[in-house]
Amino acid sequence: MTIGTTSNLSGNQRRKMRSAARFFAVQALFQMETTDQTADSVTAEFANFRFGEEFEDYDMVEADTDMFRRIVSEAVNWQAKIDQMTDRALVAKWPIARIDPTLRALFRAAGAELMDKDTPPKVVISEFVSVAEAFFPETKEPKFVNAVLDHMAREARPEGF
């Protein structure tokens, strides 16, 4: 299900689908890094099998497929620039290559959305801090993510502040 073909969805449903697209994009980028799969194969797998997947005790939500594909594609296309921007936001002794691969995927997905310029930078930060909270509940990582993304957003989109 994509937003473009579901005009009968409420604004809240569309927002949830965009949030899910961000969450799934982080998972897909992580999977690409750890398995050496291509963006095309991973996005197809997610679109065909993960979105809306039903399990015994819970169901995966539907996602905005177009947004998901755009984030993954842009993260791959702009990876070098996004990684450089992330490195500048990190402490000198902790370059992006040394951080947790889930955080690396998150910074790449968020960086892709910041480069895209369709979403206000403060929304990108808030959304990806929520993704960090889902992956790292009750830890300090979401605060770390907030600080790094704030730095990245001010570099990529200073007009948004």
C-alpha atoms as a PDB file:
ATOM      1  CA  MET A   1       0.000   0.000   0.000  1.00  0.00           C
ATOM      2  CA  THR A   2       1.411   3.422  -0.886  1.00  0.00           C
ATOM      3  CA  ILE A   3       0.165   6.852  -0.014  1.00  0.00           C
ATOM      4  CA  GLY A   4      -0.139   7.802  -3.657  1.00  0.00           C
ATOM      5  CA  THR A   5      -2.744   5.109  -4.230  1.00  0.00           C
ATOM      6  CA  THR A   6      -4.602   5.432  -0.920  1.00  0.00           C
ATOM      7  CA  SER A   7      -6.207   8.847  -1.053  1.00  0.00           C
ATOM      8  CA  ASN A   8      -8.867   7.724   1.419  1.00  0.00           C
ATOM      9  CA  LEU A   9      -6.357   7.597   4.305  1.00  0.00           C
ATOM     10  CA  SER A  10      -6.540  10.159   7.085  1.00  0.00           C
ATOM     11  CA  GLY A  11      -3.637  12.504   7.766  1.00  0.00           C
ATOM     12  CA  ASN A  12      -2.772  10.477  10.860  1.00  0.00           C
ATOM     13  CA  GLN A  13      -2.682   7.214   8.860  1.00  0.00           C
ATOM     14  CA  ARG A  14      -0.400   8.802   6.252  1.00  0.00           C
ATOM     15  CA  ARG A  15       1.884  10.129   9.025  1.00  0.00           C
ATOM     16  CA  LYS A  16       2.106   6.637  10.552  1.00  0.00           C
ATOM     17  CA  MET A  17       2.960   5.162   7.157  1.00  0.00           C
ATOM     18  CA  ARG A  18       5.743   7.743   6.673  1.00  0.00           C
ATOM     19  CA  SER A  19       7.089   6.948  10.160  1.00  0.00           C
ATOM     20  CA  ALA A  20       7.016   3.240   9.289  1.00  0.00           C
ATOM     21  CA  ALA A  21       8.877   3.964   6.041  1.00  0.00           C
ATOM     22  CA  ARG A  22      11.670   5.598   8.050  1.00  0.00           C
ATOM     23  CA  PHE A  23      11.843   2.690  10.492  1.00  0.00           C
ATOM     24  CA  PHE A  24      11.934   0.124   7.682  1.00  0.00           C
ATOM     25  CA  ALA A  25      14.548   2.165   5.777  1.00  0.00           C
ATOM     26  CA  VAL A  26      16.896   1.915   8.772  1.00  0.00           C
ATOM     27  CA  GLN A  27      16.320  -1.845   8.886  1.00  0.00           C
ATOM     28  CA  ALA A  28      16.907  -2.160   5.146  1.00  0.00           C
ATOM     29  CA  LEU A  29      20.135  -0.136   5.227  1.00  0.00           C
ATOM     30  CA  PHE A  30      21.353  -2.235   8.154  1.00  0.00           C
ATOM     31  CA  GLN A  31      20.504  -5.412   6.235  1.00  0.00           C
ATOM     32  CA  MET A  32      22.310  -4.147   3.143  1.00  0.00           C
ATOM     33  CA  GLU A  33      25.458  -3.452   5.138  1.00  0.00           C
ATOM     34  CA  THR A  34      25.480  -6.772   6.979  1.00  0.00           C
ATOM     35  CA  THR A  35      24.544  -9.008   4.040  1.00  0.00           C
ATOM     36  CA  ASP A  36      25.955  -7.137   1.022  1.00  0.00           C
ATOM     37  CA  GLN A  37      22.537  -7.217  -0.654  1.00  0.00           C
ATOM     38  CA  THR A  38      21.726  -4.538  -3.213  1.00  0.00           C
ATOM     39  CA  ALA A  39      19.263  -1.736  -2.602  1.00  0.00           C
ATOM     40  CA  ASP A  40      16.953  -3.188  -5.246  1.00  0.00           C
ATOM     41  CA  SER A  41      16.818  -6.648  -3.670  1.00  0.00           C
ATOM     42  CA  VAL A  42      16.310  -5.333  -0.143  1.00  0.00           C
ATOM     43  CA  THR A  43      13.619  -2.816  -1.081  1.00  0.00           C
ATOM     44  CA  ALA A  44      11.782  -5.501  -3.043  1.00  0.00           C
ATOM     45  CA  GLU A  45      11.983  -7.881  -0.080  1.00  0.00           C
ATOM     46  CA  PHE A  46      10.598  -5.276   2.305  1.00  0.00           C
ATOM     47  CA  ALA A  47       7.830  -4.148  -0.044  1.00  0.00           C
ATOM     48  CA  ASN A  48       6.764  -7.702  -0.875  1.00  0.00           C
ATOM     49  CA  PHE A  49       7.158  -9.431   2.473  1.00  0.00           C
ATOM     50  CA  ARG A  50       7.770  -7.113   5.446  1.00  0.00           C
ATOM     51  CA  PHE A  51       5.193  -4.340   5.124  1.00  0.00           C
ATOM     52  CA  GLY A  52       1.982  -5.522   6.768  1.00  0.00           C
ATOM     53  CA  GLU A  53       3.493  -8.901   7.684  1.00  0.00           C
ATOM     54  CA  GLU A  54       1.395 -10.774  10.237  1.00  0.00           C
ATOM     55  CA  PHE A  55       2.890 -12.704  13.134  1.00  0.00           C
ATOM     56  CA  GLU A  56       1.267 -14.750  15.872  1.00  0.00           C
ATOM     57  CA  ASP A  57       1.494 -11.989  18.488  1.00  0.00           C
ATOM     58  CA  TYR A  58       1.708  -8.794  16.384  1.00  0.00           C
ATOM     59  CA  ASP A  59       1.405  -7.358  12.884  1.00  0.00           C
ATOM     60  CA  MET A  60       3.914  -5.175  11.067  1.00  0.00           C
ATOM     61  CA  VAL A  61       2.425  -1.902   9.895  1.00  0.00           C
ATOM     62  CA  GLU A  62       2.051  -0.811   6.309  1.00  0.00           C
ATOM     63  CA  ALA A  63       4.548   1.778   5.109  1.00  0.00           C
ATOM     64  CA  ASP A  64       4.681   4.507   2.505  1.00  0.00           C
ATOM     65  CA  THR A  65       6.484   2.400  -0.095  1.00  0.00           C
ATOM     66  CA  ASP A  66       7.488   5.346  -2.280  1.00  0.00           C
ATOM     67  CA  MET A  67       9.061   7.165   0.658  1.00  0.00           C
ATOM     68  CA  PHE A  68      10.799   3.987   1.827  1.00  0.00           C
ATOM     69  CA  ARG A  69      12.333   3.404  -1.603  1.00  0.00           C
ATOM     70  CA  ARG A  70      13.352   7.064  -1.901  1.00  0.00           C
ATOM     71  CA  ILE A  71      15.119   7.084   1.488  1.00  0.00           C
ATOM     72  CA  VAL A  72      17.008   3.851   0.768  1.00  0.00           C
ATOM     73  CA  SER A  73      17.945   4.970  -2.743  1.00  0.00           C
ATOM     74  CA  GLU A  74      19.091   8.427  -1.626  1.00  0.00           C
ATOM     75  CA  ALA A  75      21.039   6.955   1.313  1.00  0.00           C
ATOM     76  CA  VAL A  76      22.944   4.766  -1.141  1.00  0.00           C
ATOM     77  CA  ASN A  77      23.407   7.544  -3.723  1.00  0.00           C
ATOM     78  CA  TRP A  78      24.573  10.115  -1.165  1.00  0.00           C
ATOM     79  CA  GLN A  79      26.312   7.719   1.263  1.00  0.00           C
ATOM     80  CA  ALA A  80      29.786   9.283   0.993  1.00  0.00           C
ATOM     81  CA  LYS A  81      28.469  12.805   1.536  1.00  0.00           C
ATOM     82  CA  ILE A  82      26.144  11.689   4.356  1.00  0.00           C
ATOM     83  CA  ASP A  83      28.966   9.768   6.051  1.00  0.00           C
ATOM     84  CA  GLN A  84      31.243  12.816   5.842  1.00  0.00           C
ATOM     85  CA  MET A  85      28.507  14.984   7.346  1.00  0.00           C
ATOM     86  CA  THR A  86      27.973  12.399  10.097  1.00  0.00           C
ATOM     87  CA  ASP A  87      31.711  12.229  10.799  1.00  0.00           C
ATOM     88  CA  ARG A  88      31.803  15.991  11.297  1.00  0.00           C
ATOM     89  CA  ALA A  89      28.984  15.665  13.836  1.00  0.00           C
ATOM     90  CA  LEU A  90      30.713  12.873  15.777  1.00  0.00           C
ATOM     91  CA  VAL A  91      33.547  13.157  18.252  1.00  0.00           C
ATOM     92  CA  ALA A  92      36.906  12.910  16.472  1.00  0.00           C
ATOM     93  CA  LYS A  93      37.806   9.574  18.074  1.00  0.00           C
ATOM     94  CA  TRP A  94      34.497   8.006  17.004  1.00  0.00           C
ATOM     95  CA  PRO A  95      34.222   8.167  13.221  1.00  0.00           C
ATOM     96  CA  ILE A  96      31.148   6.648  11.621  1.00  0.00           C
ATOM     97  CA  ALA A  97      33.003   3.391  10.899  1.00  0.00           C
ATOM     98  CA  ARG A  98      33.330   2.783  14.666  1.00  0.00           C
ATOM     99  CA  ILE A  99      29.711   3.323  15.695  1.00  0.00           C
ATOM    100  CA  ASP A 100      26.988   0.706  16.021  1.00  0.00           C
ATOM    101  CA  PRO A 101      25.772  -0.439  12.571  1.00  0.00           C
ATOM    102  CA  THR A 102      22.157   0.294  13.496  1.00  0.00           C
ATOM    103  CA  LEU A 103      23.098   3.894  14.311  1.00  0.00           C
ATOM    104  CA  ARG A 104      25.101   4.090  11.094  1.00  0.00           C
ATOM    105  CA  ALA A 105      22.029   2.977   9.128  1.00  0.00           C
ATOM    106  CA  LEU A 106      19.875   5.469  11.027  1.00  0.00           C
ATOM    107  CA  PHE A 107      22.234   8.378  10.302  1.00  0.00           C
ATOM    108  CA  ARG A 108      22.342   7.413   6.623  1.00  0.00           C
ATOM    109  CA  ALA A 109      18.537   7.247   6.366  1.00  0.00           C
ATOM    110  CA  ALA A 110      18.116  10.548   8.200  1.00  0.00           C
ATOM    111  CA  GLY A 111      20.871  12.127   6.117  1.00  0.00           C
ATOM    112  CA  ALA A 112      19.106  11.024   2.952  1.00  0.00           C
ATOM    113  CA  GLU A 113      15.903  12.683   4.089  1.00  0.00           C
ATOM    114  CA  LEU A 114      17.786  15.844   5.032  1.00  0.00           C
ATOM    115  CA  MET A 115      19.402  15.921   1.572  1.00  0.00           C
ATOM    116  CA  ASP A 116      15.997  15.442  -0.083  1.00  0.00           C
ATOM    117  CA  LYS A 117      14.732  18.725   1.434  1.00  0.00           C
ATOM    118  CA  ASP A 118      11.040  17.762   1.273  1.00  0.00           C
ATOM    119  CA  THR A 119      10.613  17.368   5.033  1.00  0.00           C
ATOM    120  CA  PRO A 120      11.439  20.143   7.517  1.00  0.00           C
ATOM    121  CA  PRO A 121      14.713  19.314   9.328  1.00  0.00           C
ATOM    122  CA  LYS A 122      13.126  19.458  12.782  1.00  0.00           C
ATOM    123  CA  VAL A 123      10.596  16.829  11.672  1.00  0.00           C
ATOM    124  CA  VAL A 124      13.408  14.614  10.334  1.00  0.00           C
ATOM    125  CA  ILE A 125      15.220  14.882  13.671  1.00  0.00           C
ATOM    126  CA  SER A 126      12.099  14.126  15.695  1.00  0.00           C
ATOM    127  CA  GLU A 127      11.115  11.175  13.525  1.00  0.00           C
ATOM    128  CA  PHE A 128      14.545   9.546  13.616  1.00  0.00           C
ATOM    129  CA  VAL A 129      14.913  10.100  17.360  1.00  0.00           C
ATOM    130  CA  SER A 130      11.671   8.092  17.630  1.00  0.00           C
ATOM    131  CA  VAL A 131      13.217   5.384  15.455  1.00  0.00           C
ATOM    132  CA  ALA A 132      16.256   5.363  17.767  1.00  0.00           C
ATOM    133  CA  GLU A 133      13.930   4.971  20.758  1.00  0.00           C
ATOM    134  CA  ALA A 134      12.377   1.927  19.081  1.00  0.00           C
ATOM    135  CA  PHE A 135      15.772   0.305  18.479  1.00  0.00           C
ATOM    136  CA  PHE A 136      17.364   1.423  21.750  1.00  0.00           C
ATOM    137  CA  PRO A 137      14.651   1.673  24.426  1.00  0.00           C
ATOM    138  CA  GLU A 138      15.698   3.025  27.813  1.00  0.00           C
ATOM    139  CA  THR A 139      19.251   3.902  26.723  1.00  0.00           C
ATOM    140  CA  LYS A 140      21.172   7.089  25.976  1.00  0.00           C
ATOM    141  CA  GLU A 141      21.353   6.464  22.226  1.00  0.00           C
ATOM    142  CA  PRO A 142      18.247   8.546  21.373  1.00  0.00           C
ATOM    143  CA  LYS A 143      19.854  11.616  23.002  1.00  0.00           C
ATOM    144  CA  PHE A 144      23.052  10.914  21.084  1.00  0.00           C
ATOM    145  CA  VAL A 145      21.036  10.578  17.868  1.00  0.00           C
ATOM    146  CA  ASN A 146      19.291  13.884  18.597  1.00  0.00           C
ATOM    147  CA  ALA A 147      22.619  15.691  19.041  1.00  0.00           C
ATOM    148  CA  VAL A 148      24.220  14.201  15.924  1.00  0.00           C
ATOM    149  CA  LEU A 149      21.147  14.811  13.744  1.00  0.00           C
ATOM    150  CA  ASP A 150      20.845  18.383  15.013  1.00  0.00           C
ATOM    151  CA  HIS A 151      24.432  19.014  13.911  1.00  0.00           C
ATOM    152  CA  MET A 152      23.853  17.302  10.554  1.00  0.00           C
ATOM    153  CA  ALA A 153      20.611  19.208   9.944  1.00  0.00           C
ATOM    154  CA  ARG A 154      22.207  22.567  10.722  1.00  0.00           C
ATOM    155  CA  GLU A 155      24.936  21.773   8.206  1.00  0.00           C
ATOM    156  CA  ALA A 156      22.647  20.405   5.477  1.00  0.00           C
ATOM    157  CA  ARG A 157      19.685  22.741   5.986  1.00  0.00           C
ATOM    158  CA  PRO A 158      20.661  25.836   8.000  1.00  0.00           C
ATOM    159  CA  GLU A 159      17.629  27.698   6.642  1.00  0.00           C
ATOM    160  CA  GLY A 160      15.401  25.303   8.622  1.00  0.00           C
ATOM    161  CA  PHE A 161      16.518  26.764  11.947  1.00  0.00           C
END
